Structures are given as structure tokens and as C-alpha cells.
Amino acid sequence: MIKIKKSIFMSFIAIMVFSLIPLSLVSAHSVLENSTPTEGEQLNDSINRIELSFNTKIENGSSLTLVNNTGDELKPSSNEINDKVLVAIFEESLEPSTYQVHWKVVGADGHLIENQYSFTITEPEMTEGRNQTSQSEEEQTNSTTENETPPTDVGKDDVENNQYTENQNQQSSIENEQSSLGMTIIIILIIAGIGIVAWMLFSK
């Protein structure tokens, strides 16, 4: 019984070991983690340097080349390897174009891995023209906005002025009515007073 349990245990250990071997091989392969420029990036300024960072140490023999949109292959003047980083330096700055970066690296496990990605350097004139056009449109918009007088505000002011005038007229009418009523009462009192005085005099 003990021997059976021991054989089962050893079989389990063997299965675990053999299942972990492929994982260790895969994890040892170098994978691109970061790049400068990045995948699909559009640059306004020219560059003469490309930097690739991997997840493992890379060995001598790693390199990269560029292919522009006309199919010309550009090789760097030097490929510098520093632990996990590959830096390619070109003698002259890259001209505006779309570039395919073809890289090949020798990983820590000795396997050769290659892949590619692309980036674009745009025309400076196109970028400046777009900026100038955008700036001009923005200035025209601001100028138009400043010169225009919102019709809503004018209408609001007219309504407020009309209401104020109506209130003033109503107040004046009320004051006039009150003044007329006061004069009428005074006249009535005067007449009544004269009548009372006359009645008192003649009643004697």
C-alpha cells in the first residue's frame, strides 16, 4: 500500500516537472516591452535614434533595420546593446516617411526572435500649415464673437425698459389720482365748513 502511494506521488511530481518545462522555455524568450518611437506613433520632428526594451537580457548579434515607404532599407551606423535595451543610431536624421522597424534579437536562452512595427515622421510644412490654419480660424471666430451682439440680450433689455416705463406710468397715474382725490376731499371739507359756519350764523 505504501509502495502504491509512493509511486502515485512520484508520478504526480514527474507530471508537474514536465508541465513546467515548457513554461520556463516560453518565459525565457525575449519579448518587446517598450519602444521609442512607439507602434503607430506620428512624429512632427525628425529623429536619428531608435530604442527597444525587452523583458529579458539580449545578447550580441541583436540588430534592427528600417524600410521606408518607397521600399528603401536603412541600416543604422551602430547597434548598442545594454542588458535589455537595443539602441540603433543613424548617421543622419530620418526624413519624413512611414518606416517599418525590423528587429532581430538573440534572447537569453540563445533563441533568435524577430518582429516588426511601424511609425511615421510627418512633413513639417504640413504640420505648420495646419497650425496656422487652425490659429487663423480661431482668431476669426473670436473676432466674430466679439463683434456680434447677442440678440437675446437686446430683447431682454428692451423688455426690461418697457416694464420700467410701464411701472413709472402706472405710478404717475396713481399719484395723480391720489392728488385729485385729495383736492376733491379738501374742497368738499371747505364747502362743508363754510356751510356749517353759515348755518350757525343764520340759525341765531
Protein backbone atom coordinates (compact mmCIF):
# COMPACT_ATOMS: atom_id res chain seq x y z
CA MET A 1 0.00 0.00 0.00
CA ILE A 2 2.84 2.33 0.86
CA LYS A 3 4.63 1.50 -2.39
CA ILE A 4 1.47 2.32 -4.38
CA LYS A 5 1.12 5.68 -2.64
CA LYS A 6 4.83 6.39 -3.23
CA SER A 7 4.55 5.58 -6.94
CA ILE A 8 1.48 7.81 -7.28
CA PHE A 9 3.32 10.63 -5.51
CA MET A 10 6.39 10.26 -7.80
CA SER A 11 4.17 10.22 -10.87
CA PHE A 12 2.50 13.43 -9.71
CA ILE A 13 5.90 15.10 -9.21
CA ALA A 14 7.06 13.99 -12.66
CA ILE A 15 3.93 15.38 -14.29
CA MET A 16 4.39 18.73 -12.54
CA VAL A 17 8.05 18.96 -13.58
CA PHE A 18 7.38 18.17 -17.24
CA SER A 19 4.45 20.59 -17.32
CA LEU A 20 6.62 23.42 -16.00
CA ILE A 21 9.42 22.90 -18.54
CA PRO A 22 7.50 24.48 -21.49
CA LEU A 23 6.51 27.44 -19.29
CA SER A 24 10.14 28.06 -18.36
CA LEU A 25 11.15 27.93 -22.01
CA VAL A 26 8.43 30.37 -23.03
CA SER A 27 9.24 32.79 -20.21
CA ALA A 28 12.89 32.77 -21.25
CA HIS A 29 12.06 34.06 -24.74
CA SER A 30 12.63 37.79 -25.19
CA VAL A 31 9.53 39.92 -25.74
CA LEU A 32 9.46 43.59 -26.78
CA GLU A 33 8.04 45.65 -23.91
CA ASN A 34 8.67 49.28 -24.91
CA SER A 35 9.92 51.17 -27.94
CA THR A 36 10.83 54.73 -28.88
CA PRO A 37 9.11 55.67 -31.15
CA THR A 38 6.11 53.54 -30.23
CA GLU A 39 3.95 51.44 -32.54
CA GLY A 40 1.91 53.69 -34.89
CA GLU A 41 3.32 56.93 -33.45
CA GLN A 42 3.34 60.05 -35.65
CA LEU A 43 6.31 62.34 -35.09
CA ASN A 44 6.47 66.00 -36.06
CA ASP A 45 10.25 66.16 -35.69
CA SER A 46 12.92 64.01 -37.28
CA ILE A 47 14.97 61.52 -35.22
CA ASN A 48 18.20 59.55 -35.65
CA ARG A 49 17.79 57.11 -32.76
CA ILE A 50 15.51 54.13 -32.08
CA GLU A 51 15.37 52.35 -28.73
CA LEU A 52 13.84 48.94 -27.99
CA SER A 53 13.39 47.49 -24.48
CA PHE A 54 12.82 43.77 -23.87
CA ASN A 55 11.70 41.71 -20.90
CA THR A 56 14.96 39.71 -20.74
CA LYS A 57 18.60 40.33 -21.39
CA ILE A 58 19.56 40.29 -25.07
CA GLU A 59 22.87 39.12 -26.48
CA ASN A 60 25.34 40.38 -29.07
CA GLY A 61 24.14 39.93 -32.62
CA SER A 62 20.85 41.70 -31.96
CA SER A 63 20.10 44.42 -34.53
CA LEU A 64 17.42 46.34 -36.39
CA THR A 65 16.90 47.90 -39.82
CA LEU A 66 14.36 50.33 -41.28
CA VAL A 67 12.36 50.22 -44.52
CA ASN A 68 10.71 53.47 -45.69
CA ASN A 69 7.52 53.83 -47.73
CA THR A 70 9.44 53.59 -51.02
CA GLY A 71 10.99 50.26 -50.04
CA ASP A 72 14.50 51.53 -49.31
CA GLU A 73 16.32 49.75 -46.50
CA LEU A 74 18.17 51.91 -43.99
CA LYS A 75 20.80 50.43 -41.70
CA PRO A 76 21.97 52.19 -38.53
CA SER A 77 25.57 53.23 -38.13
CA SER A 78 25.65 51.37 -34.82
CA ASN A 79 23.60 48.98 -32.69
CA GLU A 80 24.27 49.39 -28.98
CA ILE A 81 23.24 46.62 -26.58
CA ASN A 82 22.87 47.36 -22.89
CA ASP A 83 21.40 44.46 -20.90
CA LYS A 84 17.71 44.50 -22.01
CA VAL A 85 17.93 47.53 -24.31
CA LEU A 86 18.84 47.78 -28.00
CA VAL A 87 19.68 51.26 -29.32
CA ALA A 88 20.10 51.88 -33.05
CA ILE A 89 21.75 55.15 -34.09
CA PHE A 90 21.68 56.55 -37.64
CA GLU A 91 24.26 58.93 -39.09
CA GLU A 92 21.61 61.32 -40.43
CA SER A 93 18.18 62.29 -39.18
CA LEU A 94 15.37 60.32 -40.75
CA GLU A 95 13.37 62.05 -43.47
CA PRO A 96 9.56 62.31 -43.37
CA SER A 97 8.14 58.89 -44.26
CA THR A 98 6.43 55.83 -42.82
CA TYR A 99 9.02 53.38 -41.52
CA GLN A 100 8.86 49.66 -40.82
CA VAL A 101 11.18 48.68 -37.96
CA HIS A 102 12.51 45.14 -38.48
CA TRP A 103 14.27 43.94 -35.35
CA LYS A 104 16.13 40.71 -34.57
CA VAL A 105 17.37 39.88 -31.10
CA VAL A 106 19.18 36.96 -29.55
CA GLY A 107 17.47 36.20 -26.25
CA ALA A 108 18.99 34.99 -23.01
CA ASP A 109 18.09 31.42 -24.00
CA GLY A 110 20.02 31.76 -27.27
CA HIS A 111 16.93 31.78 -29.48
CA LEU A 112 16.71 34.29 -32.35
CA ILE A 113 13.46 36.28 -32.23
CA GLU A 114 12.36 38.79 -34.86
CA ASN A 115 9.36 41.03 -35.41
CA GLN A 116 8.44 44.44 -36.78
CA TYR A 117 6.33 47.56 -36.17
CA SER A 118 5.86 50.93 -37.87
CA PHE A 119 5.91 54.66 -37.13
CA THR A 120 5.61 57.84 -39.20
CA ILE A 121 7.53 61.12 -39.46
CA THR A 122 5.26 63.82 -40.91
CA GLU A 123 6.13 66.75 -43.16
CA PRO A 124 6.99 69.88 -41.10
CA GLU A 125 5.30 72.17 -43.65
CA MET A 126 2.03 70.28 -43.39
CA THR A 127 2.09 70.49 -39.61
CA GLU A 128 2.89 74.23 -39.62
CA GLY A 129 0.22 74.89 -42.25
CA ARG A 130 -2.38 73.10 -40.17
CA ASN A 131 -1.36 75.01 -37.06
CA GLN A 132 -1.53 78.35 -38.91
CA THR A 133 -4.92 77.47 -40.41
CA SER A 134 -6.28 76.45 -37.01
CA GLN A 135 -4.90 79.64 -35.43
CA SER A 136 -6.40 81.82 -38.18
CA GLU A 137 -9.80 80.14 -37.87
CA GLU A 138 -9.70 80.56 -34.10
CA GLU A 139 -8.85 84.28 -34.43
CA GLN A 140 -11.68 84.80 -36.92
CA THR A 141 -14.11 83.01 -34.63
CA ASN A 142 -13.04 85.11 -31.64
CA SER A 143 -13.30 88.34 -33.69
CA THR A 144 -16.78 87.44 -34.93
CA THR A 145 -17.88 86.55 -31.42
CA GLU A 146 -16.62 89.87 -30.03
CA ASN A 147 -18.25 91.96 -32.79
CA GLU A 148 -21.60 90.24 -32.61
CA THR A 149 -24.17 91.48 -30.13
CA PRO A 150 -26.35 88.70 -28.79
CA PRO A 151 -29.94 89.38 -29.89
CA THR A 152 -31.20 87.74 -26.74
CA ASP A 153 -29.62 90.39 -24.53
CA VAL A 154 -31.04 93.23 -26.65
CA GLY A 155 -34.52 91.80 -26.42
CA LYS A 156 -34.13 91.35 -22.71
CA ASP A 157 -33.03 94.98 -22.27
CA ASP A 158 -36.00 96.22 -24.33
CA VAL A 159 -38.42 94.20 -22.24
CA GLU A 160 -36.90 95.49 -19.02
CA ASN A 161 -37.06 99.11 -20.29
CA ASN A 162 -40.69 98.70 -21.34
CA GLN A 163 -41.60 97.22 -17.98
CA TYR A 164 -39.82 100.05 -16.19
CA THR A 165 -41.64 102.66 -18.30
CA GLU A 166 -45.00 101.00 -17.67
CA ASN A 167 -44.31 100.90 -13.94
CA GLN A 168 -43.38 104.58 -13.96
CA ASN A 169 -46.54 105.47 -15.88
CA GLN A 170 -48.70 103.43 -13.52
CA GLN A 171 -47.06 105.05 -10.53
CA SER A 172 -47.60 108.53 -12.01
CA SER A 173 -51.25 107.75 -12.73
CA ILE A 174 -51.77 106.54 -9.17
CA GLU A 175 -50.10 109.65 -7.78
CA ASN A 176 -52.24 111.88 -10.00
CA GLU A 177 -55.42 110.07 -8.94
CA GLN A 178 -54.44 110.35 -5.29
CA SER A 179 -53.67 114.05 -5.73
CA SER A 180 -57.01 114.68 -7.45
CA LEU A 181 -58.87 112.76 -4.76
CA GLY A 182 -57.09 114.75 -2.05
CA MET A 183 -58.00 118.06 -3.68
CA THR A 184 -61.61 116.95 -4.04
CA ILE A 185 -61.79 116.00 -0.37
CA ILE A 186 -60.26 119.33 0.66
CA ILE A 187 -62.75 121.26 -1.47
CA ILE A 188 -65.63 119.26 -0.01
CA LEU A 189 -64.40 119.91 3.52
CA ILE A 190 -64.03 123.62 2.79
CA ILE A 191 -67.54 123.80 1.38
CA ALA A 192 -68.88 121.81 4.31
CA GLY A 193 -67.06 124.07 6.74
CA ILE A 194 -68.47 127.19 5.07
CA GLY A 195 -71.92 125.65 5.13
CA ILE A 196 -71.66 124.82 8.83
CA VAL A 197 -70.41 128.32 9.69
CA ALA A 198 -73.21 129.89 7.62
CA TRP A 199 -75.80 127.66 9.27
CA MET A 200 -74.54 128.59 12.73
CA LEU A 201 -74.66 132.29 11.91
CA PHE A 202 -78.08 132.29 10.35
CA SER A 203 -79.58 129.93 12.88
CA LYS A 204 -79.05 132.54 15.55
